[in-house]
């Protein structure tokens, strides 16, 4: 780890970090050609049912997460911790914050997606008490990002 993570803090998204967030997502392997990360950020900023959080160590962006609540379930997207800072408890800190936020809203359960083959992330979430469920996610693109 490059810096002391005890100085870490969680803040709401600030647009001055936009390019750094996208670079972080690229570094963590979260971006895909069919999703425009700028558009994903803009869409999240118009969402009234959640938050977009950043994790800073000193003033350096090292993590992010999008949290939503639809009145029935909570969702976690784009959880990312800079690989230089992984395994130091920052991902757990960010998830604990998300869980408390959703619980305060009265949210009974969180759903999240992990891409098949990403065993390290599966292990991370399992360590936090998450388990694979017998559900098949289905999707349909309504607005192309090209």
N, C-alpha and C. Protein backbone atom coordinates (compact mmCIF):
# COMPACT_ATOMS: atom_id res chain seq x y z
N UNK A 1 0.82 -1.17 0.00
CA UNK A 1 0.00 0.00 0.00
C UNK A 1 0.88 1.25 0.00
N UNK A 2 0.50 2.19 -0.82
CA UNK A 2 1.32 3.36 -1.03
C UNK A 2 1.24 4.36 0.12
N UNK A 3 0.11 4.46 0.79
CA UNK A 3 -0.06 5.46 1.85
C UNK A 3 -0.80 4.84 3.03
N UNK A 4 -0.78 5.55 4.14
CA UNK A 4 -1.50 5.11 5.33
C UNK A 4 -3.00 5.22 5.08
N UNK A 5 -3.70 4.10 5.10
CA UNK A 5 -5.13 4.10 4.81
C UNK A 5 -5.98 4.56 5.99
N UNK A 6 -5.36 4.80 7.16
CA UNK A 6 -6.12 5.33 8.29
C UNK A 6 -6.65 6.72 7.98
N UNK A 7 -6.04 7.40 7.03
CA UNK A 7 -6.50 8.74 6.66
C UNK A 7 -7.60 8.69 5.60
N UNK A 8 -8.16 7.50 5.37
CA UNK A 8 -9.19 7.37 4.32
C UNK A 8 -10.49 7.99 4.77
N UNK A 9 -11.24 8.51 3.77
CA UNK A 9 -12.56 9.07 4.06
C UNK A 9 -13.46 8.83 2.87
N UNK A 10 -14.75 8.73 3.15
CA UNK A 10 -15.76 8.50 2.12
C UNK A 10 -16.53 9.80 1.93
N UNK A 11 -16.64 10.21 0.66
CA UNK A 11 -17.34 11.45 0.33
C UNK A 11 -18.31 11.20 -0.82
N UNK A 12 -19.32 12.05 -0.97
CA UNK A 12 -20.17 11.96 -2.17
C UNK A 12 -19.34 12.30 -3.41
N UNK A 13 -19.75 11.77 -4.55
CA UNK A 13 -19.06 12.05 -5.81
C UNK A 13 -18.94 13.54 -6.03
N UNK A 14 -17.77 13.95 -6.51
CA UNK A 14 -17.52 15.32 -6.93
C UNK A 14 -17.00 15.25 -8.36
N UNK A 15 -17.56 16.10 -9.23
CA UNK A 15 -17.23 16.04 -10.65
C UNK A 15 -15.75 16.25 -10.93
N UNK A 16 -15.04 16.92 -10.05
CA UNK A 16 -13.61 17.12 -10.27
C UNK A 16 -12.84 15.80 -10.29
N UNK A 17 -13.45 14.73 -9.78
CA UNK A 17 -12.82 13.41 -9.77
C UNK A 17 -13.26 12.53 -10.94
N UNK A 18 -14.12 13.03 -11.82
CA UNK A 18 -14.71 12.22 -12.89
C UNK A 18 -13.65 11.44 -13.69
N UNK A 19 -12.66 12.11 -14.23
CA UNK A 19 -11.67 11.41 -15.07
C UNK A 19 -10.87 10.40 -14.24
N UNK A 20 -10.62 10.72 -12.98
CA UNK A 20 -9.90 9.78 -12.11
C UNK A 20 -10.75 8.54 -11.82
N UNK A 21 -12.07 8.73 -11.65
CA UNK A 21 -12.97 7.60 -11.42
C UNK A 21 -12.96 6.67 -12.62
N UNK A 22 -13.07 7.24 -13.81
CA UNK A 22 -13.07 6.42 -15.03
C UNK A 22 -11.74 5.70 -15.18
N UNK A 23 -10.64 6.36 -14.88
CA UNK A 23 -9.32 5.71 -14.94
C UNK A 23 -9.24 4.58 -13.91
N UNK A 24 -9.82 4.79 -12.73
CA UNK A 24 -9.84 3.75 -11.70
C UNK A 24 -10.64 2.54 -12.18
N UNK A 25 -11.82 2.80 -12.77
CA UNK A 25 -12.63 1.70 -13.29
C UNK A 25 -11.88 0.93 -14.36
N UNK A 26 -11.17 1.63 -15.24
CA UNK A 26 -10.36 0.96 -16.26
C UNK A 26 -9.28 0.10 -15.59
N UNK A 27 -8.61 0.67 -14.61
CA UNK A 27 -7.53 -0.03 -13.91
C UNK A 27 -8.04 -1.29 -13.21
N UNK A 28 -9.28 -1.23 -12.73
CA UNK A 28 -9.89 -2.37 -12.02
C UNK A 28 -10.62 -3.33 -12.96
N UNK A 29 -10.63 -3.05 -14.26
CA UNK A 29 -11.29 -3.93 -15.22
C UNK A 29 -12.80 -3.87 -15.20
N UNK A 30 -13.38 -2.74 -14.80
CA UNK A 30 -14.83 -2.64 -14.69
C UNK A 30 -15.51 -2.08 -15.93
N UNK A 31 -14.78 -1.44 -16.79
CA UNK A 31 -15.41 -0.84 -17.98
C UNK A 31 -15.56 -1.89 -19.07
N UNK A 32 -16.59 -1.67 -19.88
CA UNK A 32 -16.88 -2.55 -21.01
C UNK A 32 -17.17 -1.68 -22.24
N UNK A 33 -16.85 -2.16 -23.44
CA UNK A 33 -17.04 -1.34 -24.65
C UNK A 33 -18.47 -0.88 -24.86
N UNK A 34 -19.44 -1.63 -24.39
CA UNK A 34 -20.84 -1.29 -24.62
C UNK A 34 -21.40 -0.33 -23.56
N UNK A 35 -20.63 0.02 -22.55
CA UNK A 35 -21.06 0.98 -21.53
C UNK A 35 -20.12 2.18 -21.55
N UNK A 36 -20.67 3.35 -21.80
CA UNK A 36 -19.89 4.58 -21.75
C UNK A 36 -19.83 5.04 -20.29
N UNK A 37 -18.64 5.03 -19.68
CA UNK A 37 -18.54 5.36 -18.26
C UNK A 37 -19.00 6.79 -17.94
N UNK A 38 -18.77 7.73 -18.86
CA UNK A 38 -19.27 9.09 -18.64
C UNK A 38 -20.79 9.10 -18.56
N UNK A 39 -21.43 8.36 -19.44
CA UNK A 39 -22.89 8.29 -19.42
C UNK A 39 -23.38 7.57 -18.16
N UNK A 40 -22.65 6.54 -17.73
CA UNK A 40 -23.03 5.86 -16.49
C UNK A 40 -22.97 6.81 -15.30
N UNK A 41 -21.94 7.65 -15.26
CA UNK A 41 -21.83 8.63 -14.18
C UNK A 41 -22.98 9.64 -14.26
N UNK A 42 -23.24 10.16 -15.46
CA UNK A 42 -24.33 11.12 -15.62
C UNK A 42 -25.67 10.52 -15.20
N UNK A 43 -25.90 9.28 -15.58
CA UNK A 43 -27.15 8.62 -15.20
C UNK A 43 -27.26 8.48 -13.69
N UNK A 44 -26.16 8.11 -13.06
CA UNK A 44 -26.18 7.95 -11.60
C UNK A 44 -26.44 9.28 -10.91
N UNK A 45 -25.89 10.35 -11.44
CA UNK A 45 -26.08 11.66 -10.83
C UNK A 45 -27.52 12.15 -10.91
N UNK A 46 -28.30 11.58 -11.84
CA UNK A 46 -29.72 11.94 -11.93
C UNK A 46 -30.60 11.00 -11.11
N UNK A 47 -30.01 10.00 -10.48
CA UNK A 47 -30.73 9.00 -9.68
C UNK A 47 -31.03 9.57 -8.30
N UNK A 48 -32.30 9.61 -7.94
CA UNK A 48 -32.69 10.13 -6.62
C UNK A 48 -32.77 9.03 -5.57
N UNK A 49 -32.49 7.80 -5.97
CA UNK A 49 -32.68 6.66 -5.07
C UNK A 49 -31.37 6.02 -4.63
N UNK A 50 -30.34 6.82 -4.52
CA UNK A 50 -29.08 6.24 -4.10
C UNK A 50 -28.00 7.28 -4.01
N UNK A 51 -26.78 6.79 -3.92
CA UNK A 51 -25.62 7.67 -3.80
C UNK A 51 -24.48 7.13 -4.65
N UNK A 52 -23.58 8.00 -4.97
CA UNK A 52 -22.34 7.67 -5.68
C UNK A 52 -21.24 8.16 -4.75
N UNK A 53 -20.47 7.23 -4.22
CA UNK A 53 -19.48 7.54 -3.20
C UNK A 53 -18.06 7.36 -3.70
N UNK A 54 -17.18 8.17 -3.17
CA UNK A 54 -15.75 8.08 -3.47
C UNK A 54 -15.00 7.82 -2.18
N UNK A 55 -13.92 7.07 -2.29
CA UNK A 55 -13.05 6.80 -1.15
C UNK A 55 -11.71 7.46 -1.44
N UNK A 56 -11.30 8.33 -0.53
CA UNK A 56 -10.04 9.04 -0.69
C UNK A 56 -9.07 8.62 0.41
N UNK A 57 -7.81 8.52 0.06
CA UNK A 57 -6.74 8.38 1.04
C UNK A 57 -5.92 9.65 0.89
N UNK A 58 -5.85 10.41 1.97
CA UNK A 58 -5.37 11.80 1.89
C UNK A 58 -6.29 12.47 0.87
N UNK A 59 -5.78 12.97 -0.21
CA UNK A 59 -6.65 13.55 -1.24
C UNK A 59 -6.59 12.75 -2.53
N UNK A 60 -6.13 11.52 -2.45
CA UNK A 60 -6.02 10.67 -3.64
C UNK A 60 -7.24 9.75 -3.73
N UNK A 61 -7.87 9.74 -4.91
CA UNK A 61 -8.99 8.83 -5.15
C UNK A 61 -8.47 7.40 -5.22
N UNK A 62 -9.00 6.52 -4.37
CA UNK A 62 -8.59 5.12 -4.39
C UNK A 62 -9.78 4.16 -4.49
N UNK A 63 -11.01 4.69 -4.41
CA UNK A 63 -12.16 3.81 -4.50
C UNK A 63 -13.42 4.54 -4.88
N UNK A 64 -14.40 3.76 -5.36
CA UNK A 64 -15.71 4.32 -5.69
C UNK A 64 -16.76 3.23 -5.60
N UNK A 65 -18.01 3.66 -5.49
CA UNK A 65 -19.13 2.73 -5.50
C UNK A 65 -20.41 3.49 -5.80
N UNK A 66 -21.29 2.85 -6.56
CA UNK A 66 -22.63 3.37 -6.80
C UNK A 66 -23.60 2.51 -6.00
N UNK A 67 -24.50 3.15 -5.27
CA UNK A 67 -25.47 2.46 -4.43
C UNK A 67 -26.86 2.93 -4.83
N UNK A 68 -27.77 1.99 -5.00
CA UNK A 68 -29.15 2.34 -5.34
C UNK A 68 -30.11 1.58 -4.45
N UNK A 69 -31.31 2.13 -4.33
CA UNK A 69 -32.38 1.49 -3.58
C UNK A 69 -33.67 1.72 -4.36
N UNK A 70 -34.34 0.64 -4.72
CA UNK A 70 -35.56 0.77 -5.53
C UNK A 70 -36.83 0.64 -4.69
N UNK A 71 -36.68 0.64 -3.37
CA UNK A 71 -37.83 0.47 -2.50
C UNK A 71 -38.04 -0.98 -2.09
N UNK A 72 -37.38 -1.89 -2.78
CA UNK A 72 -37.49 -3.32 -2.49
C UNK A 72 -36.12 -3.92 -2.16
N UNK A 73 -35.13 -3.60 -2.98
CA UNK A 73 -33.77 -4.12 -2.80
C UNK A 73 -32.76 -3.01 -3.02
N UNK A 74 -31.60 -3.21 -2.42
CA UNK A 74 -30.48 -2.33 -2.67
C UNK A 74 -29.58 -2.96 -3.72
N UNK A 75 -28.85 -2.12 -4.43
CA UNK A 75 -27.92 -2.59 -5.46
C UNK A 75 -26.58 -1.88 -5.29
N UNK A 76 -25.54 -2.61 -5.59
CA UNK A 76 -24.18 -2.09 -5.56
C UNK A 76 -23.59 -2.25 -6.95
N UNK A 77 -23.02 -1.16 -7.48
CA UNK A 77 -22.37 -1.19 -8.79
C UNK A 77 -21.04 -0.45 -8.72
N UNK A 78 -20.16 -0.84 -9.59
CA UNK A 78 -18.87 -0.15 -9.76
C UNK A 78 -18.07 -0.04 -8.46
N UNK A 79 -18.19 -1.02 -7.57
CA UNK A 79 -17.31 -1.00 -6.40
C UNK A 79 -15.89 -1.21 -6.91
N UNK A 80 -15.03 -0.28 -6.59
CA UNK A 80 -13.65 -0.37 -7.07
C UNK A 80 -12.70 0.16 -6.01
N UNK A 81 -11.59 -0.55 -5.86
CA UNK A 81 -10.49 -0.11 -5.01
C UNK A 81 -9.23 -0.23 -5.86
N UNK A 82 -8.46 0.83 -5.92
CA UNK A 82 -7.21 0.82 -6.67
C UNK A 82 -6.40 -0.42 -6.27
N UNK A 83 -5.93 -1.20 -7.24
CA UNK A 83 -5.17 -2.41 -6.91
C UNK A 83 -4.00 -2.16 -5.95
N UNK A 84 -3.41 -0.99 -5.97
CA UNK A 84 -2.31 -0.67 -5.04
C UNK A 84 -2.79 -0.63 -3.59
N UNK A 85 -4.10 -0.50 -3.39
CA UNK A 85 -4.67 -0.36 -2.05
C UNK A 85 -5.53 -1.55 -1.65
N UNK A 86 -5.66 -2.55 -2.52
CA UNK A 86 -6.49 -3.70 -2.21
C UNK A 86 -5.87 -4.54 -1.11
N UNK A 87 -6.69 -5.28 -0.41
CA UNK A 87 -6.30 -6.16 0.70
C UNK A 87 -5.92 -5.39 1.95
N UNK A 88 -6.26 -4.11 2.01
CA UNK A 88 -5.96 -3.32 3.20
C UNK A 88 -7.20 -2.93 3.99
N UNK A 89 -8.36 -3.51 3.62
CA UNK A 89 -9.58 -3.24 4.36
C UNK A 89 -10.43 -2.11 3.81
N UNK A 90 -9.99 -1.46 2.73
CA UNK A 90 -10.74 -0.33 2.20
C UNK A 90 -12.02 -0.77 1.49
N UNK A 91 -11.99 -1.89 0.79
CA UNK A 91 -13.20 -2.41 0.16
C UNK A 91 -14.24 -2.75 1.21
N UNK A 92 -13.80 -3.36 2.28
CA UNK A 92 -14.71 -3.70 3.38
C UNK A 92 -15.27 -2.42 4.00
N UNK A 93 -14.44 -1.41 4.18
CA UNK A 93 -14.89 -0.14 4.74
C UNK A 93 -15.97 0.48 3.85
N UNK A 94 -15.76 0.46 2.55
CA UNK A 94 -16.72 1.03 1.62
C UNK A 94 -18.03 0.24 1.64
N UNK A 95 -17.94 -1.09 1.65
CA UNK A 95 -19.15 -1.92 1.68
C UNK A 95 -19.90 -1.76 3.01
N UNK A 96 -19.20 -1.66 4.11
CA UNK A 96 -19.85 -1.45 5.41
C UNK A 96 -20.63 -0.14 5.39
N UNK A 97 -20.05 0.88 4.79
CA UNK A 97 -20.73 2.17 4.66
C UNK A 97 -21.99 2.03 3.80
N UNK A 98 -21.88 1.31 2.68
CA UNK A 98 -23.03 1.09 1.79
C UNK A 98 -24.14 0.33 2.51
N UNK A 99 -23.78 -0.72 3.23
CA UNK A 99 -24.77 -1.51 3.95
C UNK A 99 -25.48 -0.66 5.00
N UNK A 100 -24.74 0.17 5.72
CA UNK A 100 -25.36 1.02 6.74
C UNK A 100 -26.30 2.05 6.08
N UNK A 101 -25.88 2.60 4.97
CA UNK A 101 -26.71 3.56 4.23
C UNK A 101 -28.03 2.91 3.83
N UNK A 102 -27.95 1.72 3.24
CA UNK A 102 -29.16 1.03 2.79
C UNK A 102 -30.03 0.58 3.97
N UNK A 103 -29.41 0.10 5.00
CA UNK A 103 -30.18 -0.32 6.18
C UNK A 103 -30.93 0.86 6.78
N UNK A 104 -30.29 2.03 6.81
CA UNK A 104 -30.96 3.24 7.32
C UNK A 104 -32.18 3.61 6.48
N UNK A 105 -32.19 3.23 5.20
CA UNK A 105 -33.34 3.47 4.33
C UNK A 105 -34.44 2.42 4.50
N UNK A 106 -34.16 1.40 5.32
CA UNK A 106 -35.12 0.32 5.51
C UNK A 106 -34.99 -0.78 4.48
N UNK A 107 -33.89 -0.81 3.78
CA UNK A 107 -33.64 -1.80 2.73
C UNK A 107 -33.31 -3.16 3.37
N UNK A 108 -34.10 -4.21 3.05
CA UNK A 108 -33.89 -5.50 3.70
C UNK A 108 -32.80 -6.37 3.07
N UNK A 109 -32.39 -6.08 1.83
CA UNK A 109 -31.46 -7.00 1.14
C UNK A 109 -30.71 -6.25 0.05
N UNK A 110 -29.47 -6.68 -0.19
CA UNK A 110 -28.65 -6.11 -1.26
C UNK A 110 -28.43 -7.16 -2.33
N UNK A 111 -28.58 -6.73 -3.57
CA UNK A 111 -28.22 -7.56 -4.72
C UNK A 111 -27.02 -6.92 -5.41
N UNK A 112 -26.11 -7.74 -5.87
CA UNK A 112 -24.98 -7.24 -6.65
C UNK A 112 -24.57 -8.30 -7.65
N UNK A 113 -23.84 -7.86 -8.65
CA UNK A 113 -23.40 -8.77 -9.70
C UNK A 113 -21.89 -8.84 -9.72
N UNK A 114 -21.38 -10.05 -9.91
CA UNK A 114 -19.95 -10.28 -10.11
C UNK A 114 -19.82 -11.09 -11.39
N UNK A 115 -18.96 -10.65 -12.29
CA UNK A 115 -18.80 -11.37 -13.55
C UNK A 115 -18.20 -12.76 -13.30
N UNK A 116 -18.72 -13.74 -14.00
CA UNK A 116 -18.20 -15.11 -13.90
C UNK A 116 -16.70 -15.10 -14.16
N UNK A 117 -15.99 -15.89 -13.40
CA UNK A 117 -14.54 -16.00 -13.56
C UNK A 117 -13.76 -15.03 -12.69
N UNK A 118 -14.44 -14.11 -12.04
CA UNK A 118 -13.75 -13.15 -11.18
C UNK A 118 -13.71 -13.69 -9.75
N UNK A 119 -12.93 -14.71 -9.56
CA UNK A 119 -12.88 -15.43 -8.28
C UNK A 119 -12.41 -14.56 -7.13
N UNK A 120 -11.47 -13.66 -7.38
CA UNK A 120 -10.97 -12.81 -6.30
C UNK A 120 -12.09 -11.95 -5.73
N UNK A 121 -12.94 -11.41 -6.60
CA UNK A 121 -14.05 -10.57 -6.14
C UNK A 121 -15.11 -11.44 -5.46
N UNK A 122 -15.36 -12.63 -5.99
CA UNK A 122 -16.30 -13.55 -5.33
C UNK A 122 -15.83 -13.84 -3.90
N UNK A 123 -14.56 -14.11 -3.74
CA UNK A 123 -14.00 -14.40 -2.42
C UNK A 123 -14.14 -13.19 -1.50
N UNK A 124 -13.90 -11.99 -2.04
CA UNK A 124 -14.06 -10.77 -1.25
C UNK A 124 -15.47 -10.67 -0.69
N UNK A 125 -16.47 -10.80 -1.57
CA UNK A 125 -17.86 -10.67 -1.13
C UNK A 125 -18.27 -11.81 -0.20
N UNK A 126 -17.81 -13.02 -0.47
CA UNK A 126 -18.12 -14.13 0.43
C UNK A 126 -17.58 -13.86 1.83
N UNK A 127 -16.42 -13.23 1.92
CA UNK A 127 -15.84 -12.86 3.21
C UNK A 127 -16.67 -11.83 3.96
N UNK A 128 -17.53 -11.12 3.23
CA UNK A 128 -18.43 -10.14 3.85
C UNK A 128 -19.82 -10.71 4.11
N UNK A 129 -19.99 -12.02 3.84
CA UNK A 129 -21.27 -12.67 4.12
C UNK A 129 -22.21 -12.79 2.93
N UNK A 130 -21.76 -12.41 1.75
CA UNK A 130 -22.59 -12.54 0.55
C UNK A 130 -22.45 -13.95 0.00
N UNK A 131 -23.52 -14.44 -0.64
CA UNK A 131 -23.51 -15.79 -1.20
C UNK A 131 -24.15 -15.78 -2.58
N UNK A 132 -23.71 -16.69 -3.42
CA UNK A 132 -24.31 -16.84 -4.74
C UNK A 132 -25.74 -17.33 -4.56
N UNK A 133 -26.64 -16.79 -5.37
CA UNK A 133 -28.05 -17.15 -5.26
C UNK A 133 -28.51 -17.85 -6.54
N UNK A 134 -29.60 -18.58 -6.42
CA UNK A 134 -30.15 -19.32 -7.55
C UNK A 134 -31.07 -18.42 -8.38
N UNK A 135 -30.49 -17.40 -8.97
CA UNK A 135 -31.23 -16.48 -9.83
C UNK A 135 -30.39 -16.23 -11.08
N UNK A 136 -31.04 -16.01 -12.17
CA UNK A 136 -30.33 -15.72 -13.42
C UNK A 136 -30.59 -14.27 -13.78
N UNK A 137 -29.55 -13.44 -13.78
CA UNK A 137 -29.79 -12.05 -14.19
C UNK A 137 -30.10 -11.99 -15.69
N UNK A 138 -31.07 -11.19 -16.02
CA UNK A 138 -31.43 -10.99 -17.42
C UNK A 138 -31.43 -9.50 -17.68
N UNK A 139 -31.14 -9.11 -18.90
CA UNK A 139 -31.08 -7.70 -19.22
C UNK A 139 -31.50 -7.42 -20.64
N UNK A 140 -31.82 -6.18 -20.88
CA UNK A 140 -32.18 -5.70 -22.22
C UNK A 140 -31.76 -4.26 -22.32
N UNK A 141 -30.93 -3.95 -23.28
CA UNK A 141 -30.48 -2.57 -23.47
C UNK A 141 -31.59 -1.78 -24.15
N UNK A 142 -31.95 -0.65 -23.54
CA UNK A 142 -32.97 0.24 -24.07
C UNK A 142 -32.36 1.43 -24.81
N UNK A 143 -31.19 1.88 -24.35
CA UNK A 143 -30.51 3.02 -24.96
C UNK A 143 -29.06 2.62 -25.22
N UNK A 144 -28.65 2.52 -26.48
CA UNK A 144 -27.24 2.19 -26.75
C UNK A 144 -26.32 3.33 -26.34
N UNK A 145 -25.14 2.99 -25.91
CA UNK A 145 -24.16 3.98 -25.47
C UNK A 145 -23.16 4.35 -26.56
N UNK A 146 -23.49 4.12 -27.81
CA UNK A 146 -22.51 4.44 -28.85
C UNK A 146 -22.60 5.84 -29.33
